[in-house]
Amino acid sequence: ASSFSPMAITTTRTFAQTTSLYSAPPKRYLLNYEYIPDVLEKRGPYREGHLGLAKEMAAEGTCVSGGPFNPPGSDVPNGALFVFTTKEAAEKFAAEDPYIEGGIVTKSTISEWTVAIGTN
């Protein structure tokens, strides 16, 4: 019979030892919007400026991704989520977004997000 035991070669590592081989997870900033119920009817005059600002910041590399969301089965967005590389970029977008000034957004929040899975 063999005296080999898998437990005999097992080592214990702390979380710090296993994660020190990798860089720290990136921080991102989530800008979350809640929309008015009749967003589709009222966004028209503001949409070009809203999308233009998002595309400009994406080209600069400060807006990673973004877009509207809606309840399953509905075609009407009830909000949007944008991912930014810095808190300042998220704040700039919210300050300059025509959707906020135009009353399309009823509530906006910025949250810090640590990316644990994926590359966003």
C-alpha atoms as a PDB file:
ATOM      1  CA  ALA A   1       0.000   0.000   0.000  1.00  0.00           C
ATOM      2  CA  SER A   2       1.187   3.461  -0.808  1.00  0.00           C
ATOM      3  CA  SER A   3       1.908   5.918   1.972  1.00  0.00           C
ATOM      4  CA  PHE A   4       1.009   8.905  -0.247  1.00  0.00           C
ATOM      5  CA  SER A   5      -1.639  11.137   1.223  1.00  0.00           C
ATOM      6  CA  PRO A   6      -2.945  14.261  -0.519  1.00  0.00           C
ATOM      7  CA  MET A   7      -3.275  15.898   2.884  1.00  0.00           C
ATOM      8  CA  ALA A   8       0.455  15.537   3.473  1.00  0.00           C
ATOM      9  CA  ILE A   9       1.265  17.989   0.682  1.00  0.00           C
ATOM     10  CA  THR A  10      -1.496  20.507   1.363  1.00  0.00           C
ATOM     11  CA  THR A  11      -0.325  23.932   2.468  1.00  0.00           C
ATOM     12  CA  THR A  12      -2.312  26.626   4.168  1.00  0.00           C
ATOM     13  CA  ARG A  13      -2.259  30.129   2.745  1.00  0.00           C
ATOM     14  CA  THR A  14      -3.856  33.215   4.092  1.00  0.00           C
ATOM     15  CA  PHE A  15      -6.030  35.431   1.902  1.00  0.00           C
ATOM     16  CA  ALA A  16      -3.229  38.004   1.763  1.00  0.00           C
ATOM     17  CA  GLN A  17      -0.735  35.409   0.526  1.00  0.00           C
ATOM     18  CA  THR A  18      -3.009  34.200  -2.257  1.00  0.00           C
ATOM     19  CA  THR A  19      -4.049  37.660  -3.404  1.00  0.00           C
ATOM     20  CA  SER A  20      -0.634  39.314  -3.203  1.00  0.00           C
ATOM     21  CA  LEU A  21       0.279  37.691  -6.517  1.00  0.00           C
ATOM     22  CA  TYR A  22      -2.411  39.746  -8.254  1.00  0.00           C
ATOM     23  CA  SER A  23      -3.081  43.453  -8.540  1.00  0.00           C
ATOM     24  CA  ALA A  24      -5.858  44.954  -6.470  1.00  0.00           C
ATOM     25  CA  PRO A  25      -9.319  44.695  -8.028  1.00  0.00           C
ATOM     26  CA  PRO A  26     -10.242  47.835  -9.948  1.00  0.00           C
ATOM     27  CA  LYS A  27     -12.649  50.337  -8.453  1.00  0.00           C
ATOM     28  CA  ARG A  28     -15.458  51.611 -10.618  1.00  0.00           C
ATOM     29  CA  TYR A  29     -18.240  54.071  -9.946  1.00  0.00           C
ATOM     30  CA  LEU A  30     -21.842  53.263 -10.776  1.00  0.00           C
ATOM     31  CA  LEU A  31     -24.228  56.054 -11.678  1.00  0.00           C
ATOM     32  CA  ASN A  32     -27.762  54.757 -11.242  1.00  0.00           C
ATOM     33  CA  TYR A  33     -30.748  56.634 -12.667  1.00  0.00           C
ATOM     34  CA  GLU A  34     -34.460  56.252 -12.039  1.00  0.00           C
ATOM     35  CA  TYR A  35     -36.654  57.562 -14.882  1.00  0.00           C
ATOM     36  CA  ILE A  36     -40.097  59.113 -15.091  1.00  0.00           C
ATOM     37  CA  PRO A  37     -42.805  56.605 -16.156  1.00  0.00           C
ATOM     38  CA  ASP A  38     -43.358  58.322 -19.545  1.00  0.00           C
ATOM     39  CA  VAL A  39     -39.654  58.478 -20.438  1.00  0.00           C
ATOM     40  CA  LEU A  40     -40.205  57.333 -24.027  1.00  0.00           C
ATOM     41  CA  GLU A  41     -42.633  60.168 -24.726  1.00  0.00           C
ATOM     42  CA  LYS A  42     -40.570  62.905 -23.053  1.00  0.00           C
ATOM     43  CA  ARG A  43     -36.894  62.085 -23.668  1.00  0.00           C
ATOM     44  CA  GLY A  44     -36.828  63.239 -27.315  1.00  0.00           C
ATOM     45  CA  PRO A  45     -35.535  66.805 -26.872  1.00  0.00           C
ATOM     46  CA  TYR A  46     -32.758  65.639 -24.519  1.00  0.00           C
ATOM     47  CA  ARG A  47     -31.721  62.299 -26.023  1.00  0.00           C
ATOM     48  CA  GLU A  48     -29.095  63.530 -28.496  1.00  0.00           C
ATOM     49  CA  GLY A  49     -27.266  65.480 -25.778  1.00  0.00           C
ATOM     50  CA  HIS A  50     -27.553  62.603 -23.318  1.00  0.00           C
ATOM     51  CA  LEU A  51     -26.137  60.048 -25.756  1.00  0.00           C
ATOM     52  CA  GLY A  52     -23.527  62.502 -27.051  1.00  0.00           C
ATOM     53  CA  LEU A  53     -22.175  63.080 -23.557  1.00  0.00           C
ATOM     54  CA  ALA A  54     -22.023  59.332 -22.893  1.00  0.00           C
ATOM     55  CA  LYS A  55     -20.211  58.684 -26.203  1.00  0.00           C
ATOM     56  CA  GLU A  56     -17.765  61.540 -25.546  1.00  0.00           C
ATOM     57  CA  MET A  57     -16.877  60.180 -22.111  1.00  0.00           C
ATOM     58  CA  ALA A  58     -16.603  56.633 -23.490  1.00  0.00           C
ATOM     59  CA  ALA A  59     -14.159  57.894 -26.135  1.00  0.00           C
ATOM     60  CA  GLU A  60     -12.131  59.582 -23.372  1.00  0.00           C
ATOM     61  CA  GLY A  61     -12.064  56.273 -21.494  1.00  0.00           C
ATOM     62  CA  THR A  62     -13.882  57.570 -18.412  1.00  0.00           C
ATOM     63  CA  CYS A  63     -17.242  55.914 -19.158  1.00  0.00           C
ATOM     64  CA  VAL A  64     -16.759  52.149 -19.360  1.00  0.00           C
ATOM     65  CA  SER A  65     -20.327  51.209 -20.253  1.00  0.00           C
ATOM     66  CA  GLY A  66     -23.903  52.277 -19.768  1.00  0.00           C
ATOM     67  CA  GLY A  67     -27.485  51.907 -20.826  1.00  0.00           C
ATOM     68  CA  PRO A  68     -31.120  51.690 -19.797  1.00  0.00           C
ATOM     69  CA  PHE A  69     -32.773  48.876 -17.878  1.00  0.00           C
ATOM     70  CA  ASN A  70     -36.376  47.814 -17.566  1.00  0.00           C
ATOM     71  CA  PRO A  71     -38.480  45.235 -15.769  1.00  0.00           C
ATOM     72  CA  PRO A  72     -38.547  41.822 -17.468  1.00  0.00           C
ATOM     73  CA  GLY A  73     -41.223  41.753 -20.148  1.00  0.00           C
ATOM     74  CA  SER A  74     -41.430  45.534 -20.446  1.00  0.00           C
ATOM     75  CA  ASP A  75     -40.099  47.650 -23.303  1.00  0.00           C
ATOM     76  CA  VAL A  76     -40.168  50.846 -21.226  1.00  0.00           C
ATOM     77  CA  PRO A  77     -36.954  51.644 -19.356  1.00  0.00           C
ATOM     78  CA  ASN A  78     -37.403  52.617 -15.728  1.00  0.00           C
ATOM     79  CA  GLY A  79     -33.788  53.674 -15.270  1.00  0.00           C
ATOM     80  CA  ALA A  80     -30.227  53.446 -16.479  1.00  0.00           C
ATOM     81  CA  LEU A  81     -26.858  52.361 -15.165  1.00  0.00           C
ATOM     82  CA  PHE A  82     -23.479  53.794 -16.163  1.00  0.00           C
ATOM     83  CA  VAL A  83     -20.039  52.551 -15.137  1.00  0.00           C
ATOM     84  CA  PHE A  84     -17.242  55.134 -14.748  1.00  0.00           C
ATOM     85  CA  THR A  85     -13.554  54.859 -13.954  1.00  0.00           C
ATOM     86  CA  THR A  86     -13.618  57.671 -11.368  1.00  0.00           C
ATOM     87  CA  LYS A  87     -16.107  59.265  -9.009  1.00  0.00           C
ATOM     88  CA  GLU A  88     -15.341  62.618 -10.630  1.00  0.00           C
ATOM     89  CA  ALA A  89     -16.338  61.270 -14.051  1.00  0.00           C
ATOM     90  CA  ALA A  90     -19.661  59.981 -12.678  1.00  0.00           C
ATOM     91  CA  GLU A  91     -20.302  63.342 -11.021  1.00  0.00           C
ATOM     92  CA  LYS A  92     -19.423  65.200 -14.231  1.00  0.00           C
ATOM     93  CA  PHE A  93     -21.834  63.081 -16.262  1.00  0.00           C
ATOM     94  CA  ALA A  94     -24.671  63.668 -13.790  1.00  0.00           C
ATOM     95  CA  ALA A  95     -23.943  67.407 -13.667  1.00  0.00           C
ATOM     96  CA  GLU A  96     -23.940  67.785 -17.455  1.00  0.00           C
ATOM     97  CA  ASP A  97     -26.566  65.224 -18.525  1.00  0.00           C
ATOM     98  CA  PRO A  98     -29.565  66.866 -20.233  1.00  0.00           C
ATOM     99  CA  TYR A  99     -31.792  64.058 -18.910  1.00  0.00           C
ATOM    100  CA  ILE A 100     -31.388  65.425 -15.383  1.00  0.00           C
ATOM    101  CA  GLU A 101     -32.010  69.055 -16.302  1.00  0.00           C
ATOM    102  CA  GLY A 102     -34.937  67.990 -18.506  1.00  0.00           C
ATOM    103  CA  GLY A 103     -36.662  66.113 -15.686  1.00  0.00           C
ATOM    104  CA  ILE A 104     -36.278  62.638 -17.237  1.00  0.00           C
ATOM    105  CA  VAL A 105     -34.287  61.427 -14.226  1.00  0.00           C
ATOM    106  CA  THR A 106     -36.187  61.438 -10.927  1.00  0.00           C
ATOM    107  CA  LYS A 107     -33.327  60.117  -8.799  1.00  0.00           C
ATOM    108  CA  SER A 108     -29.615  59.527  -9.281  1.00  0.00           C
ATOM    109  CA  THR A 109     -27.052  57.878  -7.033  1.00  0.00           C
ATOM    110  CA  ILE A 110     -23.337  57.157  -7.298  1.00  0.00           C
ATOM    111  CA  SER A 111     -21.903  54.022  -5.701  1.00  0.00           C
ATOM    112  CA  GLU A 112     -18.343  52.760  -5.467  1.00  0.00           C
ATOM    113  CA  TRP A 113     -17.969  49.267  -6.936  1.00  0.00           C
ATOM    114  CA  THR A 114     -15.069  46.873  -6.512  1.00  0.00           C
ATOM    115  CA  VAL A 115     -14.876  44.627  -9.558  1.00  0.00           C
ATOM    116  CA  ALA A 116     -14.318  41.118  -8.223  1.00  0.00           C
ATOM    117  CA  ILE A 117     -15.283  39.138 -11.333  1.00  0.00           C
ATOM    118  CA  GLY A 118     -14.704  40.216 -14.934  1.00  0.00           C
ATOM    119  CA  THR A 119     -12.893  43.179 -16.407  1.00  0.00           C
ATOM    120  CA  ASN A 120     -15.470  45.947 -16.315  1.00  0.00           C
END
